[in-house]
C-alpha atoms as a PDB file:
ATOM      1  CA  VAL A   1     137.369  61.018  22.849  1.00  0.00           C
ATOM      2  CA  ASP A   2     136.140  63.912  20.583  1.00  0.00           C
ATOM      3  CA  THR A   3     133.884  65.862  22.533  1.00  0.00           C
ATOM      4  CA  ALA A   4     136.760  65.417  25.414  1.00  0.00           C
ATOM      5  CA  ILE A   5     139.339  66.886  22.755  1.00  0.00           C
ATOM      6  CA  ALA A   6     137.077  70.031  22.046  1.00  0.00           C
ATOM      7  CA  ASP A   7     136.211  70.438  26.058  1.00  0.00           C
ATOM      8  CA  LEU A   8     139.740  70.350  26.062  1.00  0.00           C
ATOM      9  CA  ARG A   9     140.608  73.284  23.184  1.00  0.00           C
ATOM     10  CA  GLU A  10     137.505  75.248  23.775  1.00  0.00           C
ATOM     11  CA  ASP A  11     136.600  75.505  27.569  1.00  0.00           C
ATOM     12  CA  ASP A  12     138.426  75.415  30.189  1.00  0.00           C
ATOM     13  CA  HIS A  13     137.562  73.073  32.537  1.00  0.00           C
ATOM     14  CA  ASP A  14     139.252  71.229  35.544  1.00  0.00           C
ATOM     15  CA  LEU A  15     138.062  68.006  34.725  1.00  0.00           C
ATOM     16  CA  VAL A  16     137.254  66.028  31.793  1.00  0.00           C
ATOM     17  CA  PHE A  17     136.389  62.281  32.420  1.00  0.00           C
ATOM     18  CA  VAL A  18     136.868  59.599  29.608  1.00  0.00           C
ATOM     19  CA  HIS A  19     135.362  56.376  30.019  1.00  0.00           C
ATOM     20  CA  LEU A  20     136.992  54.490  27.530  1.00  0.00           C
ATOM     21  CA  SER A  21     134.500  51.149  27.765  1.00  0.00           C
ATOM     22  CA  GLY A  22     135.312  48.740  24.527  1.00  0.00           C
ATOM     23  CA  PRO A  23     137.695  46.518  26.315  1.00  0.00           C
ATOM     24  CA  ASP A  24     135.683  46.019  29.078  1.00  0.00           C
ATOM     25  CA  LEU A  25     133.137  45.467  26.526  1.00  0.00           C
ATOM     26  CA  ALA A  26     134.896  42.771  24.101  1.00  0.00           C
ATOM     27  CA  GLY A  27     136.420  41.159  27.602  1.00  0.00           C
ATOM     28  CA  HIS A  28     133.279  39.825  28.830  1.00  0.00           C
ATOM     29  CA  GLU A  29     131.681  39.498  25.270  1.00  0.00           C
ATOM     30  CA  SER A  30     134.600  38.216  23.516  1.00  0.00           C
ATOM     31  CA  GLY A  31     137.037  36.935  26.499  1.00  0.00           C
ATOM     32  CA  TRP A  32     140.347  38.530  27.333  1.00  0.00           C
ATOM     33  CA  GLY A  33     142.837  38.257  24.722  1.00  0.00           C
ATOM     34  CA  SER A  34     140.350  37.264  21.942  1.00  0.00           C
ATOM     35  CA  ALA A  35     140.305  38.328  18.389  1.00  0.00           C
ATOM     36  CA  ASP A  36     137.470  41.047  19.419  1.00  0.00           C
ATOM     37  CA  TYR A  37     139.266  42.076  23.132  1.00  0.00           C
ATOM     38  CA  LEU A  38     142.455  42.779  21.118  1.00  0.00           C
ATOM     39  CA  GLU A  39     140.943  45.172  18.094  1.00  0.00           C
ATOM     40  CA  ALA A  40     139.414  47.185  21.392  1.00  0.00           C
ATOM     41  CA  VAL A  41     142.391  47.271  23.491  1.00  0.00           C
ATOM     42  CA  ALA A  42     143.989  48.735  20.054  1.00  0.00           C
ATOM     43  CA  ARG A  43     141.319  51.127  19.835  1.00  0.00           C
ATOM     44  CA  ALA A  44     141.552  52.309  23.732  1.00  0.00           C
ATOM     45  CA  ASP A  45     145.281  52.936  23.049  1.00  0.00           C
ATOM     46  CA  ALA A  46     144.784  55.231  19.705  1.00  0.00           C
ATOM     47  CA  ASP A  47     142.158  56.783  21.762  1.00  0.00           C
ATOM     48  CA  ILE A  48     144.088  57.686  24.555  1.00  0.00           C
ATOM     49  CA  ASP A  49     146.953  58.967  21.687  1.00  0.00           C
ATOM     50  CA  ARG A  50     144.758  60.857  20.345  1.00  0.00           C
ATOM     51  CA  ILE A  51     143.904  62.462  23.122  1.00  0.00           C
ATOM     52  CA  VAL A  52     147.948  62.995  24.246  1.00  0.00           C
ATOM     53  CA  SER A  53     149.039  64.221  21.454  1.00  0.00           C
ATOM     54  CA  ALA A  54     145.875  66.798  21.112  1.00  0.00           C
ATOM     55  CA  VAL A  55     147.511  68.122  24.176  1.00  0.00           C
ATOM     56  CA  VAL A  56     151.091  67.938  23.481  1.00  0.00           C
ATOM     57  CA  ASP A  57     150.300  70.138  20.292  1.00  0.00           C
ATOM     58  CA  ASP A  58     149.027  72.701  22.363  1.00  0.00           C
ATOM     59  CA  PRO A  59     150.814  75.310  24.229  1.00  0.00           C
ATOM     60  CA  ARG A  60     147.671  76.144  26.267  1.00  0.00           C
ATOM     61  CA  LEU A  61     147.214  72.240  27.234  1.00  0.00           C
ATOM     62  CA  SER A  62     150.857  71.321  27.641  1.00  0.00           C
ATOM     63  CA  GLU A  63     151.611  73.172  30.528  1.00  0.00           C
ATOM     64  CA  GLU A  64     148.357  72.087  32.508  1.00  0.00           C
ATOM     65  CA  VAL A  65     146.416  68.716  31.400  1.00  0.00           C
ATOM     66  CA  VAL A  66     147.415  65.858  33.591  1.00  0.00           C
ATOM     67  CA  VAL A  67     146.523  62.908  32.160  1.00  0.00           C
ATOM     68  CA  VAL A  68     145.495  59.723  34.353  1.00  0.00           C
ATOM     69  CA  VAL A  69     145.037  56.351  32.869  1.00  0.00           C
ATOM     70  CA  THR A  70     143.631  53.078  34.857  1.00  0.00           C
ATOM     71  CA  ALA A  71     141.177  50.109  34.411  1.00  0.00           C
ATOM     72  CA  ASP A  72     139.125  48.750  36.834  1.00  0.00           C
ATOM     73  CA  HIS A  73     139.963  45.549  36.754  1.00  0.00           C
ATOM     74  CA  GLY A  74     142.600  42.624  34.458  1.00  0.00           C
ATOM     75  CA  GLY A  75     140.942  39.701  32.484  1.00  0.00           C
ATOM     76  CA  VAL A  76     142.072  36.000  32.437  1.00  0.00           C
ATOM     77  CA  PRO A  77     142.578  34.806  28.541  1.00  0.00           C
ATOM     78  CA  GLY A  78     140.157  32.739  27.649  1.00  0.00           C
ATOM     79  CA  LEU A  79     137.095  33.794  30.157  1.00  0.00           C
ATOM     80  CA  GLN A  80     134.211  36.301  29.783  1.00  0.00           C
ATOM     81  CA  ASP A  81     133.580  36.740  33.716  1.00  0.00           C
ATOM     82  CA  HIS A  82     135.886  38.055  36.688  1.00  0.00           C
ATOM     83  CA  GLY A  83     136.091  34.213  37.755  1.00  0.00           C
ATOM     84  CA  GLY A  84     140.347  32.986  38.298  1.00  0.00           C
ATOM     85  CA  ARG A  85     140.724  35.415  41.074  1.00  0.00           C
ATOM     86  CA  GLN A  86     143.705  34.359  41.936  1.00  0.00           C
ATOM     87  CA  ARG A  87     145.339  34.988  38.029  1.00  0.00           C
ATOM     88  CA  PHE A  88     147.976  37.225  37.812  1.00  0.00           C
ATOM     89  CA  GLU A  89     145.852  38.405  35.299  1.00  0.00           C
ATOM     90  CA  ASN A  90     143.109  39.409  36.647  1.00  0.00           C
ATOM     91  CA  TYR A  91     144.042  41.876  39.100  1.00  0.00           C
ATOM     92  CA  THR A  92     146.712  43.564  37.082  1.00  0.00           C
ATOM     93  CA  ILE A  93     145.968  46.928  35.895  1.00  0.00           C
ATOM     94  CA  PRO A  94     147.504  50.061  34.607  1.00  0.00           C
ATOM     95  CA  PHE A  95     148.271  53.472  36.862  1.00  0.00           C
ATOM     96  CA  ALA A  96     149.701  55.742  34.467  1.00  0.00           C
ATOM     97  CA  VAL A  97     149.900  59.327  35.390  1.00  0.00           C
ATOM     98  CA  TRP A  98     151.600  61.647  32.607  1.00  0.00           C
ATOM     99  CA  GLY A  99     151.754  65.787  32.172  1.00  0.00           C
ATOM    100  CA  PRO A 100     153.529  68.633  33.393  1.00  0.00           C
ATOM    101  CA  GLY A 101     154.735  68.524  36.814  1.00  0.00           C
ATOM    102  CA  ILE A 102     155.056  64.370  36.726  1.00  0.00           C
ATOM    103  CA  THR A 103     157.879  62.782  37.672  1.00  0.00           C
ATOM    104  CA  ARG A 104     158.767  60.416  35.211  1.00  0.00           C
ATOM    105  CA  GLY A 105     159.766  57.033  36.031  1.00  0.00           C
ATOM    106  CA  ASP A 106     158.230  53.807  38.396  1.00  0.00           C
ATOM    107  CA  LEU A 107     155.277  54.036  40.608  1.00  0.00           C
ATOM    108  CA  TYR A 108     156.858  51.435  42.983  1.00  0.00           C
ATOM    109  CA  ALA A 109     160.382  53.430  42.657  1.00  0.00           C
ATOM    110  CA  LEU A 110     158.904  56.939  42.753  1.00  0.00           C
ATOM    111  CA  ASN A 111     156.982  54.917  46.251  1.00  0.00           C
ATOM    112  CA  PRO A 112     158.987  52.814  48.038  1.00  0.00           C
ATOM    113  CA  ASP A 113     156.309  52.818  50.619  1.00  0.00           C
ATOM    114  CA  TYR A 114     153.961  50.591  48.663  1.00  0.00           C
ATOM    115  CA  ARG A 115     154.440  47.182  47.890  1.00  0.00           C
ATOM    116  CA  ASP A 116     154.589  46.092  43.890  1.00  0.00           C
ATOM    117  CA  PRO A 117     152.995  43.446  43.807  1.00  0.00           C
ATOM    118  CA  GLY A 118     155.474  41.191  41.084  1.00  0.00           C
ATOM    119  CA  ASP A 119     153.175  38.377  40.424  1.00  0.00           C
ATOM    120  CA  GLY A 120     151.974  37.929  43.646  1.00  0.00           C
ATOM    121  CA  ARG A 121     148.414  38.606  43.981  1.00  0.00           C
ATOM    122  CA  PRO A 122     148.667  41.231  47.000  1.00  0.00           C
ATOM    123  CA  ARG A 123     146.983  41.013  50.668  1.00  0.00           C
ATOM    124  CA  TYR A 124     145.424  43.582  52.705  1.00  0.00           C
ATOM    125  CA  ARG A 125     147.548  43.583  55.474  1.00  0.00           C
ATOM    126  CA  GLY A 126     151.140  44.793  55.149  1.00  0.00           C
ATOM    127  CA  PRO A 127     152.578  47.212  52.724  1.00  0.00           C
ATOM    128  CA  GLN A 128     149.702  47.681  50.039  1.00  0.00           C
ATOM    129  CA  PRO A 129     150.374  48.223  45.994  1.00  0.00           C
ATOM    130  CA  VAL A 130     149.072  50.747  44.127  1.00  0.00           C
ATOM    131  CA  ARG A 131     145.216  50.513  43.754  1.00  0.00           C
ATOM    132  CA  ASN A 132     142.963  51.906  40.892  1.00  0.00           C
ATOM    133  CA  GLY A 133     141.306  52.685  43.819  1.00  0.00           C
ATOM    134  CA  ASN A 134     144.050  55.953  44.640  1.00  0.00           C
ATOM    135  CA  VAL A 135     142.631  57.060  41.703  1.00  0.00           C
ATOM    136  CA  ALA A 136     140.303  59.711  43.296  1.00  0.00           C
ATOM    137  CA  ASN A 137     142.645  61.268  45.656  1.00  0.00           C
ATOM    138  CA  VAL A 138     145.594  61.290  43.081  1.00  0.00           C
ATOM    139  CA  VAL A 139     143.104  63.019  41.150  1.00  0.00           C
ATOM    140  CA  THR A 140     141.898  65.641  43.903  1.00  0.00           C
ATOM    141  CA  GLU A 141     145.149  66.309  45.278  1.00  0.00           C
ATOM    142  CA  LEU A 142     146.194  67.129  41.618  1.00  0.00           C
ATOM    143  CA  LEU A 143     143.138  69.530  41.496  1.00  0.00           C
ATOM    144  CA  GLY A 144     144.068  70.890  44.555  1.00  0.00           C
ATOM    145  CA  LEU A 145     141.037  69.548  46.543  1.00  0.00           C
ATOM    146  CA  ASP A 146     140.510  67.667  49.519  1.00  0.00           C
ATOM    147  CA  PRO A 147     140.406  63.943  49.684  1.00  0.00           C
ATOM    148  CA  VAL A 148     137.428  62.281  48.697  1.00  0.00           C
ATOM    149  CA  PRO A 149     134.995  62.326  51.785  1.00  0.00           C
ATOM    150  CA  ARG A 150     135.399  58.131  53.161  1.00  0.00           C
ATOM    151  CA  SER A 151     137.318  57.236  51.092  1.00  0.00           C
ATOM    152  CA  LEU A 152     139.302  54.343  51.928  1.00  0.00           C
ATOM    153  CA  LEU A 153     142.464  54.388  49.548  1.00  0.00           C
ATOM    154  CA  GLY A 154     144.124  57.563  49.205  1.00  0.00           C
ATOM    155  CA  VAL A 155     143.505  59.660  51.833  1.00  0.00           C
ATOM    156  CA  GLU A 156     146.732  60.243  53.260  1.00  0.00           C
ATOM    157  CA  ARG A 157     147.657  61.749  49.948  1.00  0.00           C
ATOM    158  CA  ASP A 158     151.425  59.583  49.838  1.00  0.00           C
ATOM    159  CA  LEU A 159     150.427  58.038  46.672  1.00  0.00           C
ATOM    160  CA  ASP A 160     153.807  60.263  44.813  1.00  0.00           C
ATOM    161  CA  VAL A 161     153.758  61.095  41.346  1.00  0.00           C
ATOM    162  CA  ASP A 162     154.560  64.342  41.178  1.00  0.00           C
END
């Protein structure tokens, strides 16, 4: 996180990627919902806050930088693996986009063509929920680039965040 903040401040990058592995590692080692996991989530939250605060505190960055936060999966409290795939906790993830030009609001309210899964497991037929696989093409669109070649999610560029 320190390196990412320094890179944002010192260099003119189009993209800075930060992977916060603590919650995933703690979930697999100690179980989701464990004290170790909750501590790792608190550290990740503080790290995200440090990045956002660095952007807000720098006039140049606050006009340019968009922060995207997501995860690869959730976790069922008490488990350490991906068992219980039918459980809401296992497939619900954060997907947040913040920065200049980003519309504030609920992602599903901004995107009525996507289906909020509520507490039901989404199926692959019919209207789809926002999936973490959309993130690559959200980012390429924000950067003014073409969709990721051969990608399956977000190619249509129909997930509105701005």
